Structures are given as structure tokens and as C-alpha cells.
Protein backbone atom coordinates (compact mmCIF):
# COMPACT_ATOMS: atom_id res chain seq x y z
CA MET A 1 -49.65 2.89 15.72
CA GLN A 2 -45.82 2.65 15.80
CA ARG A 3 -44.09 3.40 12.55
CA SER A 4 -41.25 1.24 11.34
CA GLY A 5 -37.92 2.75 12.36
CA TRP A 6 -39.41 4.91 15.15
CA ARG A 7 -39.47 4.15 18.88
CA ASN A 8 -42.90 5.72 19.17
CA ALA A 9 -45.07 8.07 17.22
CA SER A 10 -43.86 11.16 19.07
CA GLY A 11 -40.25 10.24 19.87
CA PRO A 12 -37.18 11.05 17.78
CA PRO A 13 -36.01 8.65 15.11
CA PRO A 14 -33.26 6.23 16.11
CA HIS A 15 -29.63 6.66 15.05
CA ARG A 16 -29.40 5.81 11.37
CA PRO A 17 -26.07 4.40 10.10
CA VAL A 18 -27.07 5.38 6.58
CA ARG A 19 -26.90 9.05 7.50
CA ARG A 20 -23.45 8.61 8.99
CA ALA A 21 -22.30 6.88 5.80
CA VAL A 22 -23.71 9.73 3.76
CA ALA A 23 -21.98 12.25 6.03
CA MET A 24 -18.66 10.43 5.61
CA THR A 25 -19.13 10.43 1.88
CA MET A 26 -19.79 14.17 1.94
CA GLN A 27 -16.70 14.71 4.09
CA GLU A 28 -14.58 12.67 1.71
CA ARG A 29 -16.06 14.60 -1.18
CA THR A 30 -15.12 17.86 0.54
CA VAL A 31 -11.51 16.70 0.97
CA SER A 32 -11.43 15.57 -2.65
CA SER A 33 -12.84 18.93 -3.73
CA ARG A 34 -10.21 20.80 -1.69
CA THR A 35 -7.44 18.72 -3.22
CA GLU A 36 -8.78 19.30 -6.71
CA ILE A 37 -9.04 23.05 -6.14
CA PHE A 38 -5.50 23.12 -4.74
CA THR A 39 -3.93 21.14 -7.58
CA GLU A 40 -5.78 23.16 -10.22
CA ALA A 41 -4.75 26.42 -8.53
CA MET A 42 -1.09 25.41 -8.39
CA ALA A 43 -1.22 24.28 -12.02
CA ARG A 44 -1.97 27.90 -12.90
CA LEU A 45 1.18 29.14 -11.18
CA ALA A 46 3.89 29.36 -13.83
CA SER A 47 7.33 28.35 -12.57
CA GLY A 48 10.80 27.45 -13.68
CA VAL A 49 11.97 23.86 -13.36
CA ALA A 50 15.19 22.40 -12.03
CA VAL A 51 16.97 19.08 -11.86
CA VAL A 52 18.25 18.37 -8.36
CA THR A 53 21.08 15.84 -8.21
CA SER A 54 22.79 13.87 -5.48
CA ARG A 55 24.25 10.41 -5.04
CA HIS A 56 23.03 7.25 -3.39
CA ARG A 57 24.90 5.70 -0.50
CA GLY A 58 26.46 3.19 -2.89
CA GLY A 59 27.87 6.02 -5.02
CA ALA A 60 25.47 5.97 -7.97
CA PRO A 61 24.18 9.37 -9.17
CA CYS A 62 20.51 10.21 -8.76
CA GLY A 63 18.28 13.14 -9.59
CA LEU A 64 14.73 14.36 -9.97
CA LEU A 65 12.80 17.20 -11.59
CA VAL A 66 11.31 19.85 -9.28
CA SER A 67 9.25 22.97 -9.80
CA SER A 68 9.02 23.97 -6.12
CA ILE A 69 12.30 25.82 -5.79
CA CYS A 70 13.10 29.41 -4.85
CA SER A 71 15.67 31.68 -3.23
CA TYR A 72 15.73 31.45 0.57
CA SER A 73 18.27 34.01 1.76
CA VAL A 74 21.09 36.24 0.52
CA ARG A 75 23.26 36.06 3.65
CA PRO A 76 24.28 33.33 3.29
CA PRO A 77 23.10 32.71 -0.30
CA SER A 78 20.67 29.83 0.01
CA VAL A 79 17.95 28.06 -1.93
CA LEU A 80 14.81 26.24 -0.81
CA VAL A 81 13.73 23.03 -2.53
CA SER A 82 10.59 21.01 -1.84
CA ILE A 83 11.08 17.25 -2.28
CA GLY A 84 8.47 14.50 -2.12
CA ARG A 85 9.34 12.06 0.65
CA GLU A 86 8.36 9.13 -1.57
CA SER A 87 10.92 10.11 -4.20
CA ARG A 88 13.71 7.59 -4.70
CA SER A 89 16.19 10.49 -4.51
CA TYR A 90 14.89 11.64 -1.12
CA PRO A 91 17.11 9.37 1.04
CA ALA A 92 20.16 10.47 -0.95
CA LEU A 93 19.38 14.16 -0.45
CA LEU A 94 19.11 13.60 3.29
CA GLY A 95 22.13 11.32 3.45
CA GLN A 96 24.64 13.47 1.55
CA ALA A 97 26.06 16.83 2.55
CA ASP A 98 25.97 18.34 -0.96
CA PHE A 99 23.51 18.46 -3.83
CA GLY A 100 23.30 20.12 -7.22
CA VAL A 101 20.63 22.41 -8.64
CA HIS A 102 20.35 22.75 -12.42
CA LEU A 103 17.88 25.42 -13.56
CA LEU A 104 16.77 24.34 -17.03
CA GLY A 105 16.68 26.50 -20.13
CA SER A 106 14.05 26.58 -22.86
CA GLY A 107 15.89 23.93 -24.88
CA ASP A 108 16.17 21.47 -22.00
CA GLY A 109 12.73 19.89 -22.35
CA PRO A 110 14.17 16.42 -23.15
CA ILE A 111 16.31 16.51 -19.99
CA ALA A 112 13.30 17.59 -17.93
CA ARG A 113 11.31 14.61 -19.19
CA VAL A 114 14.13 12.21 -18.36
CA PHE A 115 14.28 13.38 -14.74
CA ALA A 116 10.49 13.53 -14.44
CA SER A 117 10.32 9.85 -15.36
CA ARG A 118 10.72 6.88 -13.03
CA GLY A 119 13.63 5.40 -14.98
CA GLU A 120 16.25 3.48 -13.05
CA ASP A 121 19.31 5.17 -14.60
CA LYS A 122 18.40 8.71 -15.57
CA PHE A 123 22.02 9.59 -16.32
CA ALA A 124 22.43 6.99 -19.06
CA GLY A 125 23.09 8.77 -22.35
CA LEU A 126 23.63 12.17 -20.68
CA ASP A 127 26.86 14.13 -20.44
CA TRP A 128 27.68 14.57 -16.78
CA ALA A 129 30.65 14.63 -14.40
CA TRP A 130 31.33 14.68 -10.68
CA ASP A 131 31.68 18.10 -9.07
CA ASP A 132 33.27 16.95 -5.82
CA SER A 133 30.56 14.52 -4.69
CA VAL A 134 27.73 16.08 -6.74
CA PRO A 135 26.65 14.83 -10.19
CA ARG A 136 26.75 17.82 -12.54
CA LEU A 137 25.03 17.85 -15.92
CA GLU A 138 27.47 18.94 -18.61
CA ASN A 139 24.94 20.36 -21.05
CA ASP A 140 24.36 24.12 -21.16
CA VAL A 141 21.74 24.43 -18.44
CA LEU A 142 20.67 27.95 -17.55
CA VAL A 143 22.14 27.85 -14.04
CA TYR A 144 24.15 25.33 -12.04
CA LEU A 145 24.51 25.65 -8.26
CA ARG A 146 26.40 23.32 -5.95
CA CYS A 147 24.77 23.52 -2.55
CA VAL A 148 25.58 22.36 0.96
CA ARG A 149 22.54 21.00 2.79
CA ARG A 150 21.92 23.06 5.93
CA ARG A 151 18.42 22.27 7.18
CA VAL A 152 15.55 19.91 6.42
CA PHE A 153 11.95 20.53 7.51
CA GLU A 154 9.61 17.56 7.10
CA HIS A 155 5.87 18.07 6.89
CA ALA A 156 3.14 15.85 5.46
CA ASP A 157 4.32 14.10 2.28
CA HIS A 158 7.12 16.56 1.44
CA ALA A 159 10.25 18.02 2.97
CA ILE A 160 11.81 21.44 2.55
CA VAL A 161 15.56 21.26 2.01
CA ILE A 162 17.63 24.40 2.59
CA GLY A 163 20.92 24.47 0.71
CA GLU A 164 23.67 27.06 1.01
CA VAL A 165 25.24 27.89 -2.35
CA ALA A 166 28.92 26.93 -2.41
CA ASP A 167 29.64 27.42 -6.10
CA GLY A 168 27.88 27.84 -9.41
CA GLN A 169 27.80 28.91 -13.01
CA ILE A 170 25.31 31.04 -14.95
CA SER A 171 24.62 30.91 -18.69
CA HIS A 172 22.50 33.12 -20.92
CA GLY A 173 19.16 32.07 -22.32
CA GLU A 174 15.45 31.74 -21.65
CA PRO A 175 14.09 29.53 -18.86
CA LEU A 176 12.08 26.38 -19.33
CA VAL A 177 8.62 27.19 -17.94
CA TYR A 178 6.17 24.74 -16.36
CA TYR A 179 2.52 25.82 -16.58
CA ARG A 180 -0.80 23.96 -16.63
CA ARG A 181 1.05 20.63 -16.30
CA ALA A 182 3.02 21.24 -19.48
CA LEU A 183 6.61 22.17 -20.30
CA ASP A 184 8.00 24.10 -23.27
CA TRP A 185 6.14 27.34 -22.57
CA ARG A 186 7.91 30.46 -23.77
CA LEU A 187 8.26 33.87 -22.17
CA GLU A 188 7.75 37.05 -24.15
CA PRO A 189 9.68 40.25 -23.37
CA PRO A 190 7.84 42.85 -21.25
CA GLY A 191 5.29 44.75 -23.31
CA HIS A 192 4.88 41.97 -25.87
CA GLY A 193 1.91 40.17 -24.37
CA ARG A 194 1.66 37.44 -21.78
CA VAL A 195 2.92 33.90 -21.39
CA ARG A 196 1.54 31.85 -24.27
């Protein structure tokens, strides 16, 4: 007697689309799980935050908040910034020779939130001025660096921008720290506990 779904009693079962659908679902679930693990892992990496500024082709200033920024080399002094390719500031950063890096201090939370938003004019209501062709925030940020774009490496949904430091200014104070998807964390001096 032939069973439903089998060619014969002793032969192998036919190809079942349901199993392929289940396998695809499991594969998608694996990708989703990897992404979740990655984002949760990176959320546990405390970092400083910076506002990167440039100007659009029409001359209007633009900027965005980044946490993926670090030193790249000492000779010449250079920084590395990771920028999402879907950011509205991305074309400006690739189209202009210079850009500004503003490392934010512990009191710069409001500025960080402005540049993390998707507002059309993020410079409205802020004190800023042109430093050559770079928009420079006039408030007392922790560090300001004017950089010349040297290289861009595109991969996946982001690009790494290498900028050589042309000029800058350093102030005193504590950094604004981004940790567990929240700003306004404070650092304690060595020997006085951990980041809280």
C-alpha cells in the first residue's frame, strides 16, 4: 500500500517545499541572532562621541553624531571615522576636501541629541562659524580638529573616512560617554570604581 507523499513504501520521501521554507526561516533566524548579538555586544563598548561637520554642495552646513571614531596614525596625525552611507551628510563628506571633528564633553548632551536627530537644519540655534570651508561649533567642546580627507574605504553599509589633522584646539573637561545606547555617562578617576 502506497502512503500519501511517498513514491513507494521503500523509496525515499519526495522533496518537500515545507522543509525548505523551514530551513530558510532557520537561516534568517540565525542572521537575526547574529545581528542581535553584534548590536548588543557593541552596545557594551563604552566610547566617546563626536560631531562630524561638513558642507553640502550648495554651501549649507551639515553634521552628524558618530561614536565610531579613533586615532589612525601619528605620522601624519590622522583620524578614522566610520560613516553610514545612508546618512544625509555622507555625500558632503565625500564631496568636500575638509571636515571637522568635535569631540563632545560631559556637558554637551543637548548638542549630541541635536546631531543624532534627523532634523533638517541642525545648526539652527547653535553658535557656529566657518573655519575655512568647515562648520565649527563655537561652544566649548572638548576637542576640535579640522581634517583634510585623505582616503575613503567603502564596505557594506558604511564607509571609513581617513582625515589628516590640519589644525585643532583642545579644552579641559570630562568626555561625553556613550554606553548601552545612552549618553550622559560619567567617568570616575582611576581607583574610584568603574563607569556608572
